[in-house]
Amino acid sequence: MRRIQEDNQEYLKSLKERGKKSRVYRDYQMTGLELANILRDLKHKALYIKLAKIHDKDKLFQLAKSVVENSLVKNPGAYFMKVLHKK
């Protein structure tokens, strides 16, 4: 019985380690993660991945960089979305 508990703990430990590794399989996934980093909005990285799948990545990067460079913007992620949906 003790051996089963030890095996379970080792298995759970290995699952935690695997969960820490990034699994980026497509180009748009990396683009979305980079957008989230640029905009300092990691909470919504799934949204940026979805946008990267739909929109041109060069335009998204250009827009994100212009939003971050604007010192008047308090919430770059929200402003990015507002500007993106106006276009």
Protein backbone atom coordinates (compact mmCIF):
# COMPACT_ATOMS: atom_id res chain seq x y z
CA MET A 1 0.00 0.00 0.00
CA ARG A 2 2.87 2.33 0.81
CA ARG A 3 4.42 1.70 -2.62
CA ILE A 4 1.19 2.82 -4.33
CA GLN A 5 1.21 6.09 -2.39
CA GLU A 6 4.84 6.72 -3.32
CA ASP A 7 4.07 6.05 -6.97
CA ASN A 8 1.11 8.43 -6.84
CA GLN A 9 3.24 11.18 -5.33
CA GLU A 10 5.92 10.70 -7.98
CA TYR A 11 3.27 10.79 -10.70
CA LEU A 12 1.74 13.99 -9.32
CA LYS A 13 5.19 15.55 -9.12
CA SER A 14 5.87 14.69 -12.76
CA LEU A 15 2.50 16.18 -13.79
CA LYS A 16 3.36 19.45 -12.07
CA GLU A 17 6.70 19.59 -13.87
CA ARG A 18 5.09 18.93 -17.26
CA GLY A 19 2.51 21.65 -16.60
CA LYS A 20 5.25 24.26 -16.22
CA LYS A 21 6.62 23.70 -19.72
CA SER A 22 5.27 25.79 -22.59
CA ARG A 23 3.60 23.96 -25.44
CA VAL A 24 3.50 26.23 -28.46
CA TYR A 25 2.73 24.27 -31.61
CA ARG A 26 1.59 26.95 -34.06
CA ASP A 27 2.94 30.32 -35.15
CA TYR A 28 -0.21 32.18 -34.10
CA GLN A 29 0.10 30.79 -30.56
CA MET A 30 3.55 32.33 -30.20
CA THR A 31 2.29 35.57 -31.72
CA GLY A 32 -0.56 35.72 -29.19
CA LEU A 33 1.79 35.08 -26.28
CA GLU A 34 4.15 37.79 -27.50
CA LEU A 35 1.24 40.23 -27.77
CA ALA A 36 0.21 39.42 -24.19
CA ASN A 37 3.78 40.11 -23.04
CA ILE A 38 4.02 43.37 -24.97
CA LEU A 39 0.71 44.59 -23.56
CA ARG A 40 1.52 43.26 -20.07
CA ASP A 41 -1.78 41.36 -20.01
CA LEU A 42 -0.95 37.70 -19.42
CA LYS A 43 -4.38 37.11 -17.91
CA HIS A 44 -5.95 37.35 -21.37
CA LYS A 45 -3.35 35.46 -23.40
CA ALA A 46 -6.00 33.13 -24.86
CA LEU A 47 -7.76 36.16 -26.33
CA TYR A 48 -4.56 37.37 -27.98
CA ILE A 49 -3.90 33.90 -29.39
CA LYS A 50 -7.38 33.92 -30.91
CA LEU A 51 -6.80 37.39 -32.39
CA ALA A 52 -3.46 36.28 -33.81
CA LYS A 53 -5.20 33.40 -35.54
CA ILE A 54 -7.63 35.78 -37.25
CA HIS A 55 -5.64 38.97 -37.92
CA ASP A 56 -2.31 39.75 -39.60
CA LYS A 57 0.49 39.46 -37.04
CA ASP A 58 2.47 42.43 -38.36
CA LYS A 59 -0.51 44.75 -37.95
CA LEU A 60 -1.19 43.40 -34.46
CA PHE A 61 2.42 43.95 -33.38
CA GLN A 62 2.46 47.44 -34.87
CA LEU A 63 -0.75 48.34 -33.03
CA ALA A 64 0.42 46.82 -29.74
CA LYS A 65 3.74 48.66 -29.85
CA SER A 66 2.05 51.98 -30.60
CA VAL A 67 -0.36 51.44 -27.69
CA VAL A 68 2.45 50.63 -25.26
CA GLU A 69 4.50 53.64 -26.38
CA ASN A 70 1.60 55.98 -25.62
CA SER A 71 2.28 57.11 -22.05
CA LEU A 72 -1.31 58.31 -21.51
CA VAL A 73 -2.73 54.79 -21.72
CA LYS A 74 -3.35 53.27 -18.29
CA ASN A 75 -4.60 49.87 -19.44
CA PRO A 76 -2.81 48.90 -22.67
CA GLY A 77 -4.78 45.67 -23.17
CA ALA A 78 -8.16 47.38 -23.04
CA TYR A 79 -7.03 50.25 -25.24
CA PHE A 80 -5.56 47.79 -27.75
CA MET A 81 -8.91 46.01 -28.02
CA LYS A 82 -10.79 49.28 -28.42
CA VAL A 83 -8.51 50.47 -31.23
CA LEU A 84 -8.55 47.05 -32.90
CA HIS A 85 -12.34 46.90 -33.01
CA LYS A 86 -12.61 50.42 -34.42
CA LYS A 87 -10.72 49.30 -37.52
